[in-house]
Amino acid sequence: MNEQFRILILEDVSEDAELIVDELKLHGINFLFKVVANEEDFKKELNKFEPDLLLSDFSLPMFTGLEAIKYIQKVKPETPVIIVTGSINEETAVMCMKLGADDYVLKTNLTRLGVAVKSALEKKKLKVQKKEAYAALEKAARIINNSPAVAFIWEYKKNWPVKYVSENVQTIFGYSANDFISGNVSYGEVIHKDDIKRVKNESEFFSRGKDYVNFVHRPYRIITKSGEIKWVKDLTGIIRNDVDDIVSMEGILIDITKEIVLEQETERFARIFEESLNEIYVFDVDT
């Protein structure tokens, strides 16, 4: 463990605190530490020192390990706690774990302390990473839901059952996210009957080669819940497992109906104008 950690030691016997520190050093843990012996100093250093881990004796003169666990769960629940004590019965150990302690180590068996500390710090790291990942996903979801783009995850099966779709799907499709995710509506069902074959062919073509990670469909039409026809642009990513089998597809869809209609109208007026030129006659007034 090259990362340096901050460890707060709640212990009223200085010799025991020294043994704990020596044991952690033997296990190659890179750490800074503070030793506190009472409730007041414990609470002060919890805020000031900001430890990554608490090692707490179970019985202190005016404070207990149980009280320390309860307090830390109240103010800094992300901080792991390991009880390091001279003796503890099974019932008390279970109570400590239920209240939030990550582990307990007997002072008569400190050789287990290094492993317990490394495990608790690794668990904390994973929790933080998971929390950050969820926060990033929530942020991404907010961005998508406030944008004109709709995010889909489709199963790689007939008619592309929907595993996930952003909440703003209703603005384009008329169907709610639950309509799709529950299976009441599959994605294949909303694609226009005159476009479905082409969309399937494009998906199959790009799925054959393992070199393709993502692709863009030619614009196609979807039928909304109310029966309205809309045009969408579909940017699809292919998700494969460890043996390169396709497990799902991810897509970002954008409603381009206005652009398509404008393009079609522009082409129509261009044709009308071109045809009208053929009907123009030039007369010589002098003849």
Protein backbone atom coordinates (compact mmCIF):
# COMPACT_ATOMS: atom_id res chain seq x y z
CA MET A 1 0.00 0.00 0.00
CA ASN A 2 1.91 3.07 -1.25
CA GLU A 3 -0.90 5.48 -0.44
CA GLN A 4 -0.50 7.20 2.91
CA PHE A 5 -3.39 6.81 5.34
CA ARG A 6 -4.43 8.65 8.48
CA ILE A 7 -5.20 6.35 11.40
CA LEU A 8 -6.75 7.54 14.65
CA ILE A 9 -6.03 5.30 17.65
CA LEU A 10 -8.42 5.51 20.60
CA GLU A 11 -6.40 3.88 23.38
CA ASP A 12 -5.74 4.93 26.98
CA VAL A 13 -2.74 2.63 27.54
CA SER A 14 0.31 4.15 25.81
CA GLU A 15 2.20 0.82 25.67
CA ASP A 16 -0.70 -0.82 23.83
CA ALA A 17 -0.85 2.10 21.38
CA GLU A 18 2.87 1.65 20.66
CA LEU A 19 2.38 -2.07 20.01
CA ILE A 20 -0.44 -1.27 17.56
CA VAL A 21 1.73 1.24 15.69
CA ASP A 22 4.68 -1.19 15.54
CA GLU A 23 2.45 -3.96 14.22
CA LEU A 24 1.10 -1.76 11.41
CA LYS A 25 4.63 -0.78 10.42
CA LEU A 26 5.61 -4.46 10.24
CA HIS A 27 2.86 -4.94 7.64
CA GLY A 28 4.27 -2.18 5.43
CA ILE A 29 1.30 0.16 5.84
CA ASN A 30 2.18 3.76 5.04
CA PHE A 31 0.36 5.86 7.62
CA LEU A 32 0.24 8.88 9.89
CA PHE A 33 -1.34 8.39 13.29
CA LYS A 34 -2.76 10.18 16.29
CA VAL A 35 -3.38 8.62 19.68
CA VAL A 36 -6.26 9.86 21.83
CA ALA A 37 -7.31 8.54 25.23
CA ASN A 38 -10.68 10.12 25.96
CA GLU A 39 -13.98 11.14 24.40
CA GLU A 40 -13.18 14.84 24.13
CA ASP A 41 -9.90 14.33 22.25
CA PHE A 42 -11.47 11.61 20.12
CA LYS A 43 -14.23 13.90 18.87
CA LYS A 44 -11.81 16.80 18.34
CA GLU A 45 -9.29 14.76 16.30
CA LEU A 46 -12.02 13.06 14.31
CA ASN A 47 -12.74 16.46 12.76
CA LYS A 48 -9.24 17.93 12.84
CA PHE A 49 -7.14 14.91 11.83
CA GLU A 50 -9.81 13.50 9.44
CA PRO A 51 -8.73 9.84 9.76
CA ASP A 52 -9.20 7.19 7.11
CA LEU A 53 -9.62 4.58 9.85
CA LEU A 54 -10.33 4.37 13.58
CA LEU A 55 -8.69 1.74 15.80
CA SER A 56 -10.52 1.77 19.12
CA ASP A 57 -10.10 -0.01 22.41
CA PHE A 58 -13.38 -1.39 23.69
CA SER A 59 -13.15 -0.31 27.31
CA LEU A 60 -11.86 3.10 28.37
CA PRO A 61 -12.32 4.81 31.76
CA MET A 62 -15.10 7.24 30.74
CA PHE A 63 -15.87 6.11 27.17
CA THR A 64 -16.44 2.83 25.33
CA GLY A 65 -15.79 1.41 21.91
CA LEU A 66 -19.55 1.05 21.41
CA GLU A 67 -20.02 4.77 22.00
CA ALA A 68 -17.18 5.53 19.58
CA ILE A 69 -18.81 3.37 16.89
CA LYS A 70 -22.20 5.04 17.39
CA TYR A 71 -20.69 8.51 17.21
CA ILE A 72 -18.60 7.84 14.12
CA GLN A 73 -21.59 6.30 12.34
CA LYS A 74 -23.50 9.48 13.12
CA VAL A 75 -20.91 12.05 11.96
CA LYS A 76 -18.52 10.18 9.60
CA PRO A 77 -20.18 6.91 8.58
CA GLU A 78 -17.72 6.40 5.72
CA THR A 79 -14.84 5.95 8.22
CA PRO A 80 -14.18 2.27 9.03
CA VAL A 81 -13.76 1.17 12.66
CA ILE A 82 -11.78 -1.76 14.03
CA ILE A 83 -12.09 -2.64 17.72
CA VAL A 84 -8.71 -3.59 19.23
CA THR A 85 -9.27 -4.93 22.70
CA GLY A 86 -7.84 -7.17 25.41
CA SER A 87 -10.92 -9.32 25.59
CA ILE A 88 -14.40 -9.37 24.13
CA ASN A 89 -17.17 -11.94 24.29
CA GLU A 90 -18.99 -13.16 21.22
CA GLU A 91 -22.20 -11.30 22.03
CA THR A 92 -20.39 -7.96 22.37
CA ALA A 93 -18.40 -8.60 19.19
CA VAL A 94 -21.62 -9.22 17.26
CA MET A 95 -23.11 -6.04 18.72
CA CYS A 96 -20.06 -4.02 17.58
CA MET A 97 -20.37 -5.38 14.06
CA LYS A 98 -24.11 -4.66 13.94
CA LEU A 99 -23.49 -1.06 15.02
CA GLY A 100 -21.02 -0.58 12.18
CA ALA A 101 -17.58 -1.88 13.19
CA ASP A 102 -15.71 -3.46 10.28
CA ASP A 103 -13.76 -5.93 12.40
CA TYR A 104 -12.32 -6.64 15.84
CA VAL A 105 -8.84 -7.81 16.82
CA LEU A 106 -7.67 -9.12 20.19
CA LYS A 107 -4.54 -7.52 21.65
CA THR A 108 -3.27 -11.04 22.29
CA ASN A 109 -3.39 -11.68 18.51
CA LEU A 110 -2.13 -8.40 16.99
CA THR A 111 -0.54 -10.29 14.08
CA ARG A 112 -4.02 -10.22 12.49
CA LEU A 113 -4.24 -6.43 12.76
CA GLY A 114 -2.35 -5.61 9.55
CA VAL A 115 -4.62 -7.78 7.42
CA ALA A 116 -7.73 -6.37 9.10
CA VAL A 117 -6.57 -2.78 8.52
CA LYS A 118 -5.70 -3.38 4.86
CA SER A 119 -9.07 -5.07 4.29
CA ALA A 120 -10.99 -2.21 5.96
CA LEU A 121 -9.12 0.45 3.97
CA GLU A 122 -9.70 -1.44 0.71
CA LYS A 123 -13.42 -1.75 1.47
CA LYS A 124 -13.57 1.98 2.16
CA LYS A 125 -11.79 2.71 -1.13
CA LEU A 126 -14.29 0.56 -3.04
CA LYS A 127 -17.23 2.28 -1.30
CA VAL A 128 -15.86 5.70 -2.23
CA GLN A 129 -15.33 4.61 -5.84
CA LYS A 130 -18.86 3.19 -5.97
CA LYS A 131 -20.28 6.40 -4.51
CA GLU A 132 -18.35 8.49 -7.04
CA ALA A 133 -19.51 6.24 -9.88
CA TYR A 134 -23.15 6.60 -8.81
CA ALA A 135 -22.72 10.36 -8.54
CA ALA A 136 -21.23 10.46 -12.04
CA LEU A 137 -24.12 8.36 -13.39
CA GLU A 138 -26.68 10.58 -11.72
CA LYS A 139 -24.98 13.65 -13.18
CA ALA A 140 -24.91 12.07 -16.64
CA ALA A 141 -28.59 11.14 -16.30
CA ARG A 142 -29.47 14.72 -15.34
CA ILE A 143 -27.55 16.06 -18.33
CA ILE A 144 -29.28 13.64 -20.71
CA ASN A 145 -32.73 14.21 -19.22
CA ASN A 146 -32.30 17.96 -19.70
CA SER A 147 -31.11 17.57 -23.29
CA PRO A 148 -32.88 16.70 -26.55
CA ALA A 149 -31.02 13.37 -26.67
CA VAL A 150 -32.51 10.11 -25.35
CA ALA A 151 -30.23 7.34 -24.06
CA PHE A 152 -31.11 3.67 -24.61
CA ILE A 153 -29.57 0.32 -23.66
CA TRP A 154 -31.05 -2.51 -25.72
CA GLU A 155 -30.69 -6.24 -25.24
CA TYR A 156 -29.16 -7.91 -28.27
CA LYS A 157 -32.32 -9.90 -28.99
CA LYS A 158 -35.24 -9.86 -31.40
CA ASN A 159 -37.02 -6.49 -31.42
CA TRP A 160 -34.35 -5.04 -29.06
CA PRO A 161 -35.98 -5.25 -25.60
CA VAL A 162 -35.04 -2.16 -23.57
CA LYS A 163 -32.85 -2.59 -20.46
CA TYR A 164 -32.55 1.12 -19.75
CA VAL A 165 -33.85 4.36 -21.20
CA SER A 166 -33.52 7.92 -19.91
CA GLU A 167 -36.58 9.51 -18.34
CA ASN A 168 -36.89 12.12 -21.12
CA VAL A 169 -37.88 9.38 -23.60
CA GLN A 170 -41.49 10.50 -23.31
CA THR A 171 -40.71 13.84 -24.98
CA ILE A 172 -39.93 12.06 -28.26
CA PHE A 173 -41.71 8.72 -28.13
CA GLY A 174 -44.74 9.50 -26.00
CA TYR A 175 -44.08 6.27 -24.08
CA SER A 176 -42.72 6.43 -20.53
CA ALA A 177 -39.41 4.85 -19.51
CA ASN A 178 -41.40 2.19 -17.65
CA ASP A 179 -43.37 1.31 -20.81
CA PHE A 180 -40.09 0.25 -22.42
CA ILE A 181 -38.23 -1.22 -19.43
CA SER A 182 -41.20 -3.30 -18.26
CA GLY A 183 -41.38 -4.94 -21.69
CA ASN A 184 -44.82 -3.56 -22.52
CA VAL A 185 -43.24 -1.97 -25.58
CA SER A 186 -40.08 -3.21 -27.32
CA TYR A 187 -37.96 -0.85 -29.35
CA GLY A 188 -38.51 -2.77 -32.56
CA GLU A 189 -42.25 -2.18 -32.27
CA VAL A 190 -41.93 1.60 -32.53
CA ILE A 191 -39.75 1.65 -35.65
CA HIS A 192 -41.72 2.47 -38.81
CA LYS A 193 -42.64 -0.66 -40.78
CA ASP A 194 -41.00 0.72 -43.92
CA ASP A 195 -37.69 1.32 -42.08
CA ILE A 196 -37.43 -1.67 -39.73
CA LYS A 197 -35.79 -3.99 -42.26
CA ARG A 198 -33.07 -1.45 -43.08
CA VAL A 199 -32.40 -0.72 -39.41
CA LYS A 200 -32.05 -4.46 -38.71
CA ASN A 201 -29.75 -4.92 -41.70
CA GLU A 202 -27.52 -2.06 -40.56
CA SER A 203 -27.32 -3.50 -37.03
CA GLU A 204 -26.48 -6.98 -38.33
CA PHE A 205 -23.84 -5.62 -40.72
CA PHE A 206 -21.96 -3.69 -38.03
CA SER A 207 -22.35 -6.53 -35.52
CA ARG A 208 -20.51 -9.01 -37.74
CA GLY A 209 -17.12 -7.39 -37.47
CA LYS A 210 -15.47 -7.30 -34.05
CA ASP A 211 -13.62 -4.16 -35.09
CA TYR A 212 -16.80 -2.08 -34.90
CA VAL A 213 -17.35 -0.40 -31.56
CA ASN A 214 -20.02 2.06 -32.64
CA PHE A 215 -21.88 3.14 -35.76
CA VAL A 216 -24.51 5.61 -36.95
CA HIS A 217 -27.77 4.46 -38.51
CA ARG A 218 -29.14 6.32 -41.49
CA PRO A 219 -32.04 8.44 -40.17
CA TYR A 220 -35.19 6.39 -39.70
CA ARG A 221 -38.77 6.93 -38.61
CA ILE A 222 -40.43 5.94 -35.35
CA ILE A 223 -44.11 5.88 -34.47
CA THR A 224 -44.97 7.65 -31.22
CA LYS A 225 -47.60 6.50 -28.75
CA SER A 226 -50.09 8.95 -30.30
CA GLY A 227 -49.34 7.64 -33.81
CA GLU A 228 -47.21 10.60 -34.90
CA ILE A 229 -44.30 9.85 -37.23
CA LYS A 230 -40.92 11.26 -36.22
CA TRP A 231 -37.44 11.01 -37.65
CA VAL A 232 -34.50 10.10 -35.39
CA LYS A 233 -30.73 10.04 -35.64
CA ASP A 234 -29.35 6.95 -33.87
CA LEU A 235 -25.72 6.68 -32.70
CA THR A 236 -25.25 3.10 -31.47
CA GLY A 237 -22.44 1.50 -29.46
CA ILE A 238 -21.83 -2.27 -29.39
CA ILE A 239 -21.15 -3.85 -25.97
CA ARG A 240 -19.28 -7.18 -25.93
CA ASN A 241 -18.33 -9.53 -23.10
CA ASP A 242 -14.89 -11.02 -22.40
CA VAL A 243 -15.24 -13.54 -25.24
CA ASP A 244 -16.40 -10.87 -27.72
CA ASP A 245 -20.05 -11.94 -27.77
CA ILE A 246 -22.47 -9.03 -28.08
CA VAL A 247 -24.52 -8.63 -24.91
CA SER A 248 -26.22 -5.31 -25.53
CA MET A 249 -26.25 -2.11 -27.55
CA GLU A 250 -26.21 1.46 -26.28
CA GLY A 251 -27.68 4.31 -28.26
CA ILE A 252 -28.14 8.05 -28.20
CA LEU A 253 -31.18 9.16 -30.20
CA ILE A 254 -31.97 12.68 -31.32
CA ASP A 255 -35.24 13.88 -32.83
CA ILE A 256 -34.36 15.34 -36.25
CA THR A 257 -37.91 15.58 -37.59
CA LYS A 258 -37.73 19.35 -38.14
CA GLU A 259 -34.45 19.05 -40.05
CA ILE A 260 -35.78 16.24 -42.25
CA VAL A 261 -39.04 18.08 -42.97
CA LEU A 262 -37.10 21.26 -43.78
CA GLU A 263 -34.79 19.30 -46.07
CA GLN A 264 -37.74 17.64 -47.81
CA GLU A 265 -39.53 20.99 -48.24
CA THR A 266 -36.35 22.58 -49.61
CA GLU A 267 -35.96 19.76 -52.12
CA ARG A 268 -39.64 20.05 -53.10
CA PHE A 269 -39.41 23.80 -53.73
CA ALA A 270 -36.17 23.30 -55.65
CA ARG A 271 -37.93 20.82 -57.93
CA ILE A 272 -40.89 23.17 -58.41
CA PHE A 273 -38.54 26.01 -59.25
CA GLU A 274 -36.54 23.86 -61.67
CA GLU A 275 -39.71 22.65 -63.39
CA SER A 276 -41.04 26.20 -63.64
CA LEU A 277 -37.90 27.23 -65.49
CA ASN A 278 -38.80 24.78 -68.23
CA GLU A 279 -42.11 26.60 -68.72
CA ILE A 280 -40.59 30.03 -69.26
CA TYR A 281 -40.89 31.35 -72.85
CA VAL A 282 -39.05 34.31 -74.30
CA PHE A 283 -41.04 36.43 -76.80
CA ASP A 284 -39.52 38.87 -79.27
CA VAL A 285 -41.89 41.84 -79.25
CA ASP A 286 -40.50 43.08 -82.56
CA THR A 287 -41.64 40.02 -84.48
